[in-house]
């Protein structure tokens, strides 16, 4: 597809981190810093806070680095991790990557069914590519390229997609996601977000 080829040209991958983190050290940090919002096992019960369990460790570490540097904007996150070293962030990422994710689930199955169609097929009418073409048919993502999104809270996904659409979020794969999100209506964002929350 032409659209996908153009989007692929926008993709700039961040090099993988040199050293893997230590999950044990990461757990100790998570207990002190992260668990109150994301839960110790990474399966946040709060829909506005992302589920971190099972995410790729390099992706998690990049997000932490971007929060600290201000490339991804969130005052609370920047404050919480301001004193962390690169090793600390790799350790936290390793801990959460090692946890077993649980799908958030949807309260709107009808909307999720609409989202399933869009997730798998996109929307030719507005040039929207399928989410599955990058994140995989089950939302598992591709290590080093596209993050895992399966089972993520619908509220969190909706918020991030709107951040991409307005340009508020532009880190990591942001330029690519901005291009995609700007093609989407509020209804499409909500429907896809509901479907993603059902994936495992």
N, C-alpha and C. Protein backbone atom coordinates (compact mmCIF):
# COMPACT_ATOMS: atom_id res chain seq x y z
N UNK A 1 0.83 -1.20 0.00
CA UNK A 1 0.00 0.00 0.00
C UNK A 1 0.87 1.25 0.00
N UNK A 2 0.50 2.25 -0.79
CA UNK A 2 1.29 3.47 -0.86
C UNK A 2 1.37 4.15 0.49
N UNK A 3 0.24 4.19 1.19
CA UNK A 3 0.20 4.86 2.48
C UNK A 3 1.20 4.24 3.45
N UNK A 4 1.22 2.91 3.50
CA UNK A 4 2.14 2.24 4.41
C UNK A 4 3.58 2.47 4.02
N UNK A 5 3.85 2.51 2.72
CA UNK A 5 5.21 2.75 2.27
C UNK A 5 5.67 4.14 2.68
N UNK A 6 4.76 5.12 2.56
CA UNK A 6 5.11 6.48 2.95
C UNK A 6 5.34 6.57 4.45
N UNK A 7 4.49 5.89 5.22
CA UNK A 7 4.64 5.92 6.67
C UNK A 7 5.92 5.24 7.09
N UNK A 8 6.26 4.15 6.42
CA UNK A 8 7.48 3.43 6.76
C UNK A 8 8.69 4.33 6.57
N UNK A 9 8.62 5.23 5.60
CA UNK A 9 9.72 6.16 5.38
C UNK A 9 9.92 7.13 6.52
N UNK A 10 8.86 7.35 7.32
CA UNK A 10 8.96 8.25 8.46
C UNK A 10 9.55 7.58 9.69
N UNK A 11 9.61 6.26 9.67
CA UNK A 11 10.01 5.50 10.86
C UNK A 11 11.50 5.62 11.11
N UNK A 12 11.86 6.12 12.28
CA UNK A 12 13.26 6.21 12.69
C UNK A 12 13.40 5.41 13.97
N UNK A 13 14.10 4.31 13.88
CA UNK A 13 14.22 3.43 15.03
C UNK A 13 15.33 3.91 15.96
N UNK A 14 15.06 3.83 17.24
CA UNK A 14 16.07 4.14 18.24
C UNK A 14 16.92 2.90 18.46
N UNK A 15 18.25 3.02 18.51
CA UNK A 15 19.08 1.83 18.71
C UNK A 15 18.75 1.13 20.01
N UNK A 16 18.86 -0.19 20.01
CA UNK A 16 18.59 -0.97 21.21
C UNK A 16 19.58 -0.60 22.30
N UNK A 17 19.13 -0.66 23.52
CA UNK A 17 20.01 -0.35 24.64
C UNK A 17 21.10 -1.41 24.74
N UNK A 18 22.31 -0.97 25.15
CA UNK A 18 23.48 -1.84 25.13
C UNK A 18 23.39 -2.99 26.13
N UNK A 19 22.93 -2.69 27.33
CA UNK A 19 22.94 -3.72 28.37
C UNK A 19 21.53 -4.01 28.86
N UNK A 20 21.21 -5.30 29.05
CA UNK A 20 19.88 -5.64 29.58
C UNK A 20 19.78 -5.24 31.05
N UNK A 21 18.55 -4.98 31.48
CA UNK A 21 18.34 -4.61 32.87
C UNK A 21 18.25 -5.82 33.79
N UNK A 22 18.25 -5.55 35.06
CA UNK A 22 18.14 -6.58 36.10
C UNK A 22 16.72 -6.52 36.67
N UNK A 23 15.87 -7.52 36.40
CA UNK A 23 14.48 -7.48 36.88
C UNK A 23 14.36 -7.40 38.40
N UNK A 24 15.28 -8.04 39.12
CA UNK A 24 15.24 -8.00 40.58
C UNK A 24 15.44 -6.60 41.12
N UNK A 25 16.43 -5.91 40.59
CA UNK A 25 16.67 -4.52 40.99
C UNK A 25 15.51 -3.65 40.55
N UNK A 26 14.96 -3.98 39.38
CA UNK A 26 13.83 -3.21 38.88
C UNK A 26 12.60 -3.36 39.75
N UNK A 27 12.39 -4.55 40.30
CA UNK A 27 11.23 -4.77 41.18
C UNK A 27 11.33 -3.89 42.42
N UNK A 28 12.54 -3.80 42.98
CA UNK A 28 12.73 -2.97 44.17
C UNK A 28 12.40 -1.51 43.88
N UNK A 29 12.81 -1.04 42.70
CA UNK A 29 12.50 0.34 42.31
C UNK A 29 11.01 0.51 42.05
N UNK A 30 10.41 -0.49 41.41
CA UNK A 30 8.98 -0.42 41.11
C UNK A 30 8.15 -0.33 42.37
N UNK A 31 8.55 -1.05 43.40
CA UNK A 31 7.83 -1.00 44.68
C UNK A 31 7.84 0.40 45.27
N UNK A 32 8.94 1.12 45.08
CA UNK A 32 9.08 2.46 45.66
C UNK A 32 8.45 3.55 44.79
N UNK A 33 8.55 3.40 43.47
CA UNK A 33 8.22 4.51 42.57
C UNK A 33 6.96 4.29 41.74
N UNK A 34 6.77 3.08 41.23
CA UNK A 34 5.79 2.86 40.15
C UNK A 34 4.50 2.15 40.55
N UNK A 35 4.59 1.31 41.59
CA UNK A 35 3.49 0.39 41.87
C UNK A 35 2.18 1.08 42.21
N UNK A 36 2.23 2.25 42.80
CA UNK A 36 0.99 2.90 43.21
C UNK A 36 0.13 3.30 42.01
N UNK A 37 0.75 3.52 40.85
CA UNK A 37 -0.01 3.87 39.65
C UNK A 37 -0.13 2.72 38.66
N UNK A 38 0.94 1.92 38.52
CA UNK A 38 0.97 0.89 37.49
C UNK A 38 0.84 -0.52 38.05
N UNK A 39 0.78 -0.66 39.37
CA UNK A 39 0.76 -1.95 40.07
C UNK A 39 2.14 -2.61 39.96
N UNK A 40 2.48 -3.41 40.95
CA UNK A 40 3.80 -4.04 40.96
C UNK A 40 3.97 -5.00 39.80
N UNK A 41 2.86 -5.64 39.38
CA UNK A 41 2.96 -6.58 38.25
C UNK A 41 2.68 -5.90 36.91
N UNK A 42 2.54 -4.58 36.91
CA UNK A 42 2.37 -3.84 35.67
C UNK A 42 0.98 -3.84 35.09
N UNK A 43 0.03 -4.48 35.78
CA UNK A 43 -1.35 -4.53 35.30
C UNK A 43 -2.18 -3.47 36.03
N UNK A 44 -1.99 -2.25 35.64
CA UNK A 44 -2.67 -1.13 36.27
C UNK A 44 -4.19 -1.32 36.27
N UNK A 45 -4.80 -1.04 37.42
CA UNK A 45 -6.26 -1.14 37.53
C UNK A 45 -6.93 0.18 37.18
N UNK A 46 -6.13 1.22 36.96
CA UNK A 46 -6.66 2.55 36.66
C UNK A 46 -6.63 2.78 35.15
N UNK A 47 -7.78 2.97 34.52
CA UNK A 47 -7.84 3.06 33.05
C UNK A 47 -7.00 4.17 32.42
N UNK A 48 -6.67 5.21 33.19
CA UNK A 48 -5.86 6.29 32.62
C UNK A 48 -4.36 6.00 32.72
N UNK A 49 -3.99 4.95 33.47
CA UNK A 49 -2.58 4.58 33.61
C UNK A 49 -2.30 3.33 32.78
N UNK A 50 -1.27 3.36 31.97
CA UNK A 50 -1.05 2.23 31.06
C UNK A 50 -0.66 0.93 31.76
N UNK A 51 -1.03 -0.18 31.13
CA UNK A 51 -0.56 -1.49 31.53
C UNK A 51 0.85 -1.65 30.95
N UNK A 52 1.81 -1.94 31.82
CA UNK A 52 3.21 -2.07 31.40
C UNK A 52 3.66 -3.51 31.28
N UNK A 53 2.92 -4.43 31.88
CA UNK A 53 3.31 -5.84 31.90
C UNK A 53 3.47 -6.38 30.49
N UNK A 54 4.59 -7.07 30.26
CA UNK A 54 4.80 -7.73 28.98
C UNK A 54 5.27 -6.84 27.85
N UNK A 55 5.44 -5.55 28.12
CA UNK A 55 5.92 -4.64 27.08
C UNK A 55 7.41 -4.91 26.80
N UNK A 56 7.87 -4.60 25.61
CA UNK A 56 9.27 -4.78 25.26
C UNK A 56 10.14 -3.91 26.15
N UNK A 57 11.22 -4.45 26.73
CA UNK A 57 12.02 -3.67 27.66
C UNK A 57 12.68 -2.45 27.03
N UNK A 58 13.17 -2.55 25.79
CA UNK A 58 13.78 -1.38 25.15
C UNK A 58 12.76 -0.27 24.95
N UNK A 59 11.53 -0.64 24.61
CA UNK A 59 10.48 0.37 24.44
C UNK A 59 10.20 1.08 25.76
N UNK A 60 10.05 0.31 26.84
CA UNK A 60 9.78 0.91 28.15
C UNK A 60 10.92 1.84 28.55
N UNK A 61 12.16 1.39 28.36
CA UNK A 61 13.31 2.21 28.75
C UNK A 61 13.37 3.49 27.92
N UNK A 62 13.03 3.41 26.64
CA UNK A 62 13.01 4.62 25.81
C UNK A 62 11.97 5.61 26.29
N UNK A 63 10.79 5.10 26.70
CA UNK A 63 9.75 6.01 27.18
C UNK A 63 10.22 6.72 28.46
N UNK A 64 10.85 5.96 29.35
CA UNK A 64 11.36 6.57 30.58
C UNK A 64 12.40 7.64 30.26
N UNK A 65 13.30 7.33 29.35
CA UNK A 65 14.32 8.30 28.94
C UNK A 65 13.67 9.55 28.36
N UNK A 66 12.63 9.36 27.54
CA UNK A 66 11.95 10.50 26.93
C UNK A 66 11.17 11.32 27.96
N UNK A 67 10.55 10.66 28.93
CA UNK A 67 9.86 11.40 29.99
C UNK A 67 10.87 12.27 30.75
N UNK A 68 12.00 11.69 31.09
CA UNK A 68 13.00 12.42 31.87
C UNK A 68 13.56 13.61 31.09
N UNK A 69 13.73 13.41 29.78
CA UNK A 69 14.30 14.46 28.93
C UNK A 69 13.26 15.49 28.48
N UNK A 70 11.97 15.18 28.69
CA UNK A 70 10.91 16.09 28.25
C UNK A 70 10.48 15.85 26.82
N UNK A 71 11.05 14.84 26.16
CA UNK A 71 10.64 14.53 24.78
C UNK A 71 9.24 13.95 24.75
N UNK A 72 8.84 13.29 25.84
CA UNK A 72 7.46 12.87 26.04
C UNK A 72 6.97 13.62 27.27
N UNK A 73 5.92 14.39 27.10
CA UNK A 73 5.52 15.35 28.13
C UNK A 73 4.56 14.77 29.16
N UNK A 74 5.01 14.74 30.40
CA UNK A 74 4.17 14.35 31.53
C UNK A 74 4.90 14.80 32.78
N UNK A 75 4.40 15.85 33.41
CA UNK A 75 5.09 16.46 34.55
C UNK A 75 5.28 15.48 35.69
N UNK A 76 4.24 14.68 35.98
CA UNK A 76 4.34 13.73 37.09
C UNK A 76 5.42 12.68 36.82
N UNK A 77 5.41 12.11 35.61
CA UNK A 77 6.41 11.10 35.28
C UNK A 77 7.81 11.69 35.32
N UNK A 78 7.99 12.87 34.77
CA UNK A 78 9.31 13.51 34.75
C UNK A 78 9.83 13.72 36.16
N UNK A 79 8.93 14.11 37.05
CA UNK A 79 9.32 14.35 38.45
C UNK A 79 9.69 13.05 39.16
N UNK A 80 8.89 12.01 38.94
CA UNK A 80 9.11 10.74 39.63
C UNK A 80 10.43 10.07 39.24
N UNK A 81 10.82 10.23 37.99
CA UNK A 81 12.01 9.51 37.53
C UNK A 81 13.23 10.42 37.34
N UNK A 82 13.13 11.65 37.78
CA UNK A 82 14.21 12.62 37.56
C UNK A 82 15.56 12.15 38.08
N UNK A 83 15.55 11.41 39.17
CA UNK A 83 16.82 11.00 39.79
C UNK A 83 17.30 9.62 39.33
N UNK A 84 16.56 8.97 38.44
CA UNK A 84 16.95 7.63 38.01
C UNK A 84 18.12 7.66 37.03
N UNK A 85 19.00 6.69 37.17
CA UNK A 85 20.10 6.53 36.21
C UNK A 85 19.61 5.73 35.01
N UNK A 86 20.45 5.67 33.97
CA UNK A 86 20.12 4.84 32.81
C UNK A 86 19.96 3.38 33.23
N UNK A 87 20.83 2.93 34.14
CA UNK A 87 20.74 1.55 34.62
C UNK A 87 19.44 1.32 35.37
N UNK A 88 19.02 2.29 36.18
CA UNK A 88 17.75 2.18 36.91
C UNK A 88 16.59 2.00 35.93
N UNK A 89 16.60 2.78 34.87
CA UNK A 89 15.51 2.71 33.91
C UNK A 89 15.50 1.38 33.17
N UNK A 90 16.68 0.87 32.84
CA UNK A 90 16.75 -0.45 32.21
C UNK A 90 16.27 -1.53 33.16
N UNK A 91 16.58 -1.37 34.45
CA UNK A 91 16.14 -2.37 35.44
C UNK A 91 14.61 -2.35 35.60
N UNK A 92 14.04 -1.16 35.67
CA UNK A 92 12.58 -1.05 35.75
C UNK A 92 11.93 -1.67 34.51
N UNK A 93 12.48 -1.36 33.35
CA UNK A 93 11.94 -1.90 32.10
C UNK A 93 12.00 -3.42 32.09
N UNK A 94 13.11 -3.97 32.58
CA UNK A 94 13.27 -5.43 32.61
C UNK A 94 12.25 -6.07 33.55
N UNK A 95 12.00 -5.42 34.68
CA UNK A 95 11.02 -5.95 35.63
C UNK A 95 9.64 -6.01 35.00
N UNK A 96 9.18 -4.89 34.43
CA UNK A 96 7.82 -4.86 33.89
C UNK A 96 7.68 -5.73 32.63
N UNK A 97 8.74 -5.82 31.84
CA UNK A 97 8.70 -6.66 30.65
C UNK A 97 8.52 -8.13 31.02
N UNK A 98 9.02 -8.50 32.19
CA UNK A 98 8.97 -9.90 32.62
C UNK A 98 7.62 -10.30 33.22
N UNK A 99 6.73 -9.34 33.44
CA UNK A 99 5.44 -9.63 34.06
C UNK A 99 4.43 -10.14 33.02
N UNK A 100 3.44 -10.86 33.50
CA UNK A 100 2.42 -11.41 32.61
C UNK A 100 1.27 -10.41 32.45
N UNK A 101 1.02 -9.97 31.22
CA UNK A 101 -0.06 -8.99 31.01
C UNK A 101 -1.44 -9.62 31.09
N UNK A 102 -2.39 -8.81 31.55
CA UNK A 102 -3.79 -9.22 31.58
C UNK A 102 -4.58 -8.21 30.75
N UNK A 103 -5.43 -8.70 29.87
CA UNK A 103 -6.22 -7.80 29.03
C UNK A 103 -7.18 -6.99 29.89
N UNK A 104 -7.24 -5.68 29.62
CA UNK A 104 -8.15 -4.81 30.38
C UNK A 104 -9.60 -5.19 30.13
N UNK A 105 -9.93 -5.57 28.89
CA UNK A 105 -11.31 -5.93 28.56
C UNK A 105 -12.15 -4.70 28.25
N UNK A 106 -13.26 -4.91 27.57
CA UNK A 106 -14.12 -3.80 27.16
C UNK A 106 -15.47 -3.87 27.84
N UNK A 107 -16.06 -2.70 28.05
CA UNK A 107 -17.44 -2.62 28.55
C UNK A 107 -18.40 -2.29 27.41
N UNK A 108 -17.83 -2.15 26.21
CA UNK A 108 -18.65 -1.80 25.04
C UNK A 108 -18.36 -2.76 23.90
N UNK A 109 -18.87 -3.99 23.98
CA UNK A 109 -18.57 -5.00 22.96
C UNK A 109 -19.00 -4.61 21.55
N UNK A 110 -20.08 -3.87 21.42
CA UNK A 110 -20.51 -3.43 20.10
C UNK A 110 -19.49 -2.50 19.46
N UNK A 111 -18.97 -1.60 20.24
CA UNK A 111 -17.95 -0.68 19.76
C UNK A 111 -16.65 -1.42 19.45
N UNK A 112 -16.32 -2.41 20.29
CA UNK A 112 -15.12 -3.22 20.06
C UNK A 112 -15.22 -3.97 18.74
N UNK A 113 -16.43 -4.42 18.38
CA UNK A 113 -16.62 -5.13 17.11
C UNK A 113 -16.34 -4.20 15.93
N UNK A 114 -16.78 -2.96 16.05
CA UNK A 114 -16.48 -1.96 15.02
C UNK A 114 -14.97 -1.73 14.95
N UNK A 115 -14.35 -1.66 16.11
CA UNK A 115 -12.91 -1.46 16.18
C UNK A 115 -12.12 -2.60 15.59
N UNK A 116 -12.64 -3.81 15.74
CA UNK A 116 -11.97 -4.98 15.16
C UNK A 116 -11.82 -4.84 13.64
N UNK A 117 -12.89 -4.40 13.01
CA UNK A 117 -12.86 -4.22 11.55
C UNK A 117 -11.80 -3.19 11.16
N UNK A 118 -11.78 -2.07 11.86
CA UNK A 118 -10.82 -1.01 11.56
C UNK A 118 -9.39 -1.45 11.87
N UNK A 119 -9.22 -2.15 12.99
CA UNK A 119 -7.89 -2.61 13.40
C UNK A 119 -7.31 -3.54 12.33
N UNK A 120 -8.13 -4.42 11.82
CA UNK A 120 -7.66 -5.42 10.86
C UNK A 120 -7.56 -4.90 9.43
N UNK A 121 -8.49 -4.02 9.05
CA UNK A 121 -8.60 -3.62 7.64
C UNK A 121 -8.31 -2.15 7.37
N UNK A 122 -8.27 -1.32 8.39
CA UNK A 122 -8.14 0.11 8.16
C UNK A 122 -9.42 0.68 7.57
N UNK A 123 -9.29 1.84 6.94
CA UNK A 123 -10.45 2.49 6.32
C UNK A 123 -9.98 3.13 5.02
N UNK A 124 -10.30 2.47 3.91
CA UNK A 124 -9.85 2.96 2.60
C UNK A 124 -10.40 4.35 2.28
N UNK A 125 -11.55 4.68 2.85
CA UNK A 125 -12.20 5.96 2.54
C UNK A 125 -11.36 7.16 2.99
N UNK A 126 -10.66 7.01 4.11
CA UNK A 126 -9.84 8.13 4.58
C UNK A 126 -8.34 7.80 4.61
N UNK A 127 -7.98 6.68 3.97
CA UNK A 127 -6.57 6.32 3.87
C UNK A 127 -5.96 5.79 5.16
N UNK A 128 -6.82 5.32 6.07
CA UNK A 128 -6.33 4.81 7.35
C UNK A 128 -5.79 3.39 7.17
N UNK A 129 -4.49 3.16 7.48
CA UNK A 129 -3.97 1.80 7.37
C UNK A 129 -4.44 0.93 8.53
N UNK A 130 -4.34 -0.36 8.38
CA UNK A 130 -4.72 -1.25 9.48
C UNK A 130 -3.69 -1.17 10.60
N UNK A 131 -4.15 -1.24 11.82
CA UNK A 131 -3.25 -1.26 12.98
C UNK A 131 -2.43 -2.55 12.97
N UNK A 132 -3.07 -3.62 12.49
CA UNK A 132 -2.43 -4.94 12.48
C UNK A 132 -1.17 -4.97 11.63
N UNK A 133 -1.08 -4.09 10.62
CA UNK A 133 0.07 -4.12 9.72
C UNK A 133 1.37 -3.76 10.44
N UNK A 134 1.28 -3.03 11.54
CA UNK A 134 2.47 -2.69 12.33
C UNK A 134 2.50 -3.39 13.69
N UNK A 135 1.35 -3.42 14.36
CA UNK A 135 1.30 -3.95 15.73
C UNK A 135 0.95 -5.43 15.78
N UNK A 136 0.67 -6.03 14.62
CA UNK A 136 0.37 -7.45 14.55
C UNK A 136 -1.10 -7.75 14.76
N UNK A 137 -1.56 -8.90 14.27
CA UNK A 137 -2.99 -9.25 14.35
C UNK A 137 -3.51 -9.35 15.77
N UNK A 138 -2.63 -9.68 16.72
CA UNK A 138 -3.06 -9.80 18.12
C UNK A 138 -2.50 -8.69 19.00
N UNK A 139 -1.94 -7.65 18.38
CA UNK A 139 -1.43 -6.51 19.15
C UNK A 139 -0.13 -6.77 19.87
N UNK A 140 0.59 -7.83 19.46
CA UNK A 140 1.83 -8.19 20.15
C UNK A 140 3.00 -7.28 19.79
N UNK A 141 2.87 -6.51 18.73
CA UNK A 141 3.94 -5.61 18.33
C UNK A 141 5.13 -6.35 17.74
N UNK A 142 6.21 -5.60 17.48
CA UNK A 142 7.45 -6.18 16.97
C UNK A 142 8.60 -5.57 17.76
N UNK A 143 9.35 -6.42 18.43
CA UNK A 143 10.44 -5.96 19.28
C UNK A 143 11.40 -5.09 18.50
N UNK A 144 11.73 -3.91 19.07
CA UNK A 144 12.65 -2.99 18.42
C UNK A 144 12.00 -2.08 17.41
N UNK A 145 10.71 -2.31 17.11
CA UNK A 145 10.04 -1.49 16.12
C UNK A 145 8.72 -0.91 16.63
N UNK A 146 7.77 -1.79 16.90
CA UNK A 146 6.44 -1.33 17.29
C UNK A 146 6.05 -1.93 18.64
N UNK A 147 5.54 -1.12 19.57
CA UNK A 147 5.23 -1.62 20.91
C UNK A 147 4.05 -2.58 20.94
N UNK A 148 4.04 -3.39 21.97
CA UNK A 148 2.88 -4.22 22.27
C UNK A 148 1.74 -3.30 22.71
N UNK A 149 0.54 -3.53 22.16
CA UNK A 149 -0.62 -2.74 22.57
C UNK A 149 -1.77 -3.62 23.05
N UNK A 150 -1.62 -4.93 22.91
CA UNK A 150 -2.69 -5.87 23.28
C UNK A 150 -3.13 -5.69 24.72
N UNK A 151 -4.45 -5.60 24.92
CA UNK A 151 -5.02 -5.56 26.26
C UNK A 151 -4.94 -4.22 26.96
N UNK A 152 -4.40 -3.21 26.28
CA UNK A 152 -4.23 -1.90 26.92
C UNK A 152 -5.58 -1.27 27.25
N UNK A 153 -5.63 -0.50 28.32
CA UNK A 153 -6.86 0.20 28.70
C UNK A 153 -7.34 1.08 27.54
N UNK A 154 -8.62 1.01 27.23
CA UNK A 154 -9.18 1.81 26.14
C UNK A 154 -9.03 3.30 26.41
N UNK A 155 -9.22 3.71 27.66
CA UNK A 155 -9.12 5.13 27.99
C UNK A 155 -7.71 5.64 27.73
N UNK A 156 -6.71 4.86 28.14
CA UNK A 156 -5.32 5.26 27.92
C UNK A 156 -5.01 5.35 26.43
N UNK A 157 -5.41 4.34 25.66
CA UNK A 157 -5.13 4.33 24.23
C UNK A 157 -5.81 5.51 23.54
N UNK A 158 -7.06 5.77 23.90
CA UNK A 158 -7.77 6.91 23.32
C UNK A 158 -7.04 8.21 23.58
N UNK A 159 -6.60 8.40 24.81
CA UNK A 159 -5.87 9.63 25.18
C UNK A 159 -4.60 9.77 24.37
N UNK A 160 -3.83 8.69 24.24
CA UNK A 160 -2.57 8.76 23.50
C UNK A 160 -2.81 9.04 22.03
N UNK A 161 -3.84 8.43 21.45
CA UNK A 161 -4.13 8.68 20.05
C UNK A 161 -4.51 10.15 19.81
N UNK A 162 -5.24 10.74 20.74
CA UNK A 162 -5.59 12.15 20.61
C UNK A 162 -4.37 13.04 20.83
N UNK A 163 -3.46 12.62 21.69
CA UNK A 163 -2.19 13.34 21.86
C UNK A 163 -1.39 13.32 20.55
N UNK A 164 -1.35 12.17 19.91
CA UNK A 164 -0.66 12.08 18.62
C UNK A 164 -1.33 12.99 17.60
N UNK A 165 -2.65 12.96 17.57
CA UNK A 165 -3.40 13.72 16.56
C UNK A 165 -3.16 15.22 16.70
N UNK A 166 -3.08 15.72 17.92
CA UNK A 166 -2.86 17.15 18.14
C UNK A 166 -1.38 17.54 18.08
N UNK A 167 -0.50 16.54 18.10
CA UNK A 167 0.93 16.83 18.12
C UNK A 167 1.50 16.97 19.51
N UNK A 168 0.67 16.83 20.54
CA UNK A 168 1.17 16.93 21.91
C UNK A 168 2.19 15.83 22.19
N UNK A 169 1.97 14.66 21.61
CA UNK A 169 2.94 13.58 21.73
C UNK A 169 3.60 13.35 20.37
N UNK A 170 4.93 13.42 20.36
CA UNK A 170 5.64 13.21 19.09
C UNK A 170 6.95 12.44 19.29
N UNK A 171 7.09 11.79 20.45
CA UNK A 171 8.34 11.06 20.69
C UNK A 171 8.32 9.68 20.04
N UNK A 172 9.48 9.08 19.95
CA UNK A 172 9.64 7.70 19.49
C UNK A 172 9.04 7.53 18.09
N UNK A 173 7.91 6.85 17.96
CA UNK A 173 7.26 6.69 16.66
C UNK A 173 6.23 7.78 16.42
N UNK A 174 6.36 8.88 17.15
CA UNK A 174 5.34 9.92 17.15
C UNK A 174 4.99 10.49 15.79
N UNK A 175 5.99 10.78 14.96
CA UNK A 175 5.69 11.38 13.66
C UNK A 175 4.83 10.44 12.82
N UNK A 176 5.14 9.16 12.88
CA UNK A 176 4.35 8.17 12.15
C UNK A 176 2.93 8.10 12.71
N UNK A 177 2.83 8.06 14.03
CA UNK A 177 1.52 7.96 14.67
C UNK A 177 0.70 9.23 14.49
N UNK A 178 1.35 10.39 14.42
CA UNK A 178 0.62 11.62 14.14
C UNK A 178 -0.05 11.55 12.77
N UNK A 179 0.69 11.06 11.79
CA UNK A 179 0.14 10.94 10.43
C UNK A 179 -1.09 10.05 10.41
N UNK A 180 -1.02 8.95 11.17
CA UNK A 180 -2.14 8.01 11.23
C UNK A 180 -3.31 8.61 11.99
N UNK A 181 -3.04 9.17 13.17
CA UNK A 181 -4.11 9.67 14.03
C UNK A 181 -4.88 10.82 13.40
N UNK A 182 -4.22 11.60 12.57
CA UNK A 182 -4.89 12.73 11.93
C UNK A 182 -5.89 12.30 10.88
N UNK A 183 -5.84 11.06 10.48
CA UNK A 183 -6.83 10.52 9.55
C UNK A 183 -8.08 10.02 10.28
N UNK A 184 -8.00 9.90 11.60
CA UNK A 184 -9.03 9.20 12.37
C UNK A 184 -10.05 10.14 12.99
N UNK A 185 -11.31 9.72 12.98
CA UNK A 185 -12.35 10.43 13.69
C UNK A 185 -12.32 10.02 15.16
N UNK A 186 -12.99 10.78 16.01
CA UNK A 186 -13.10 10.41 17.42
C UNK A 186 -13.72 9.03 17.57
N UNK A 187 -14.72 8.74 16.75
CA UNK A 187 -15.39 7.44 16.81
C UNK A 187 -14.44 6.31 16.46
N UNK A 188 -13.63 6.50 15.45
CA UNK A 188 -12.67 5.47 15.05
C UNK A 188 -11.63 5.24 16.15
N UNK A 189 -11.15 6.31 16.74
CA UNK A 189 -10.18 6.18 17.83
C UNK A 189 -10.79 5.39 18.98
N UNK A 190 -12.01 5.75 19.34
CA UNK A 190 -12.66 5.07 20.47
C UNK A 190 -12.91 3.60 20.16
N UNK A 191 -13.37 3.31 18.96
CA UNK A 191 -13.68 1.93 18.58
C UNK A 191 -12.43 1.06 18.57
N UNK A 192 -11.36 1.56 17.96
CA UNK A 192 -10.11 0.80 17.91
C UNK A 192 -9.55 0.60 19.32
N UNK A 193 -9.65 1.62 20.15
CA UNK A 193 -9.16 1.52 21.53
C UNK A 193 -9.92 0.44 22.31
N UNK A 194 -11.23 0.36 22.09
CA UNK A 194 -12.02 -0.66 22.75
C UNK A 194 -11.60 -2.06 22.28
N UNK A 195 -11.38 -2.21 20.99
CA UNK A 195 -10.97 -3.51 20.48
C UNK A 195 -9.59 -3.92 21.02
N UNK A 196 -8.65 -2.99 21.04
CA UNK A 196 -7.32 -3.27 21.56
C UNK A 196 -7.39 -3.78 22.99
N UNK A 197 -8.31 -3.25 23.78
CA UNK A 197 -8.43 -3.66 25.18
C UNK A 197 -8.85 -5.11 25.34
N UNK A 198 -9.37 -5.72 24.28
CA UNK A 198 -9.83 -7.13 24.35
C UNK A 198 -8.75 -8.11 23.91
N UNK A 199 -7.68 -7.61 23.30
CA UNK A 199 -6.66 -8.50 22.74
C UNK A 199 -5.77 -9.12 23.81
N UNK A 200 -5.24 -10.30 23.51
CA UNK A 200 -4.30 -10.98 24.42
C UNK A 200 -3.08 -11.44 23.64
